[in-house]
Amino acid sequence: MEQQRYIGLDVHKDYSVFRILEPPEPMERVLGALSTLGPDQQLLMIIDRQPRPLYRILQNNGYDYRETFKPEGIFEILIWQAR
């Protein structure tokens, strides 16, 4: 069985209740999801603002990331374990 390469986490909205997530909930969700990330998996975070405090936490805990700003006004942050 092949392991899923990407794990998607949209922390911009909680679609189960259609609401915008306020800090610190997006960071809490990402940190929780990282604990399930396999060595060859990546987490794709979608958010409506730059999660600057998260970047330091990622770097201090052995993760790399790539941020992409989309014309729709959202950020896609791809996170993976550093090697």
Protein backbone atom coordinates (compact mmCIF):
# COMPACT_ATOMS: atom_id res chain seq x y z
CA MET A 1 0.00 0.00 0.00
CA GLU A 2 1.47 3.35 -1.05
CA GLN A 3 1.59 6.09 1.57
CA GLN A 4 -0.19 9.34 0.70
CA ARG A 5 2.47 11.94 -0.17
CA TYR A 6 0.52 15.08 0.75
CA ILE A 7 -1.72 15.85 3.68
CA GLY A 8 -3.98 18.86 3.06
CA LEU A 9 -5.04 21.14 5.88
CA ASP A 10 -7.14 24.18 5.08
CA VAL A 11 -6.90 26.33 8.19
CA HIS A 12 -8.52 29.31 6.51
CA LYS A 13 -12.05 27.98 7.07
CA ASP A 14 -13.65 25.22 9.07
CA TYR A 15 -15.99 23.85 6.43
CA SER A 16 -17.95 21.81 8.95
CA VAL A 17 -19.34 25.06 10.39
CA PHE A 18 -18.37 27.54 7.61
CA ARG A 19 -16.37 29.93 9.74
CA ILE A 20 -13.01 31.66 9.51
CA LEU A 21 -10.55 30.23 12.02
CA GLU A 22 -9.01 32.73 14.43
CA PRO A 23 -5.58 32.44 16.05
CA PRO A 24 -4.30 30.27 17.62
CA GLU A 25 -6.54 27.56 16.16
CA PRO A 26 -4.79 27.35 12.73
CA MET A 27 -1.38 26.89 14.38
CA GLU A 28 -2.77 24.30 16.80
CA ARG A 29 -4.25 22.32 13.90
CA VAL A 30 -1.00 22.42 11.93
CA LEU A 31 1.12 21.35 14.89
CA GLY A 32 -1.29 18.50 15.56
CA ALA A 33 -1.18 17.39 11.93
CA LEU A 34 2.63 17.46 11.89
CA SER A 35 2.72 14.73 14.52
CA THR A 36 1.09 12.38 11.98
CA LEU A 37 3.40 13.33 9.10
CA GLY A 38 5.51 10.49 7.72
CA PRO A 39 9.14 10.99 6.66
CA ASP A 40 8.26 11.29 2.95
CA GLN A 41 5.02 13.22 3.40
CA GLN A 42 4.32 16.92 3.12
CA LEU A 43 1.63 19.02 4.74
CA LEU A 44 -0.11 21.66 2.63
CA MET A 45 -1.50 24.44 4.81
CA ILE A 46 -3.96 26.94 3.29
CA ILE A 47 -4.47 30.15 5.26
CA ASP A 48 -5.52 33.76 4.69
CA ARG A 49 -2.46 35.33 6.37
CA GLN A 50 1.23 34.67 6.83
CA PRO A 51 1.69 32.44 9.87
CA ARG A 52 4.98 34.07 10.88
CA PRO A 53 5.12 32.64 14.43
CA LEU A 54 4.73 29.17 12.94
CA TYR A 55 7.85 29.55 10.78
CA ARG A 56 10.16 29.81 13.79
CA ILE A 57 8.49 26.80 15.43
CA LEU A 58 8.94 24.78 12.24
CA GLN A 59 12.62 25.66 11.93
CA ASN A 60 13.30 24.93 15.61
CA ASN A 61 11.68 21.51 15.28
CA GLY A 62 13.37 20.26 12.12
CA TYR A 63 10.89 21.23 9.40
CA ASP A 64 11.31 23.17 6.18
CA TYR A 65 8.57 25.03 4.34
CA ARG A 66 7.78 26.89 1.15
CA GLU A 67 5.27 29.74 1.10
CA THR A 68 3.28 30.68 -2.00
CA PHE A 69 0.91 33.66 -2.13
CA LYS A 70 -2.09 33.09 -4.40
CA PRO A 71 -4.02 35.83 -6.27
CA GLU A 72 -7.15 34.84 -4.33
CA GLY A 73 -5.50 36.35 -1.25
CA ILE A 74 -4.50 33.10 0.43
CA PHE A 75 -1.18 31.57 1.34
CA GLU A 76 -0.24 27.98 0.61
CA ILE A 77 2.48 26.74 2.93
CA LEU A 78 4.03 23.39 2.06
CA ILE A 79 5.75 21.82 5.10
CA TRP A 80 8.07 18.79 5.25
CA GLN A 81 10.66 17.26 7.56
CA ALA A 82 14.13 18.67 6.94
CA ARG A 83 16.84 16.17 6.06
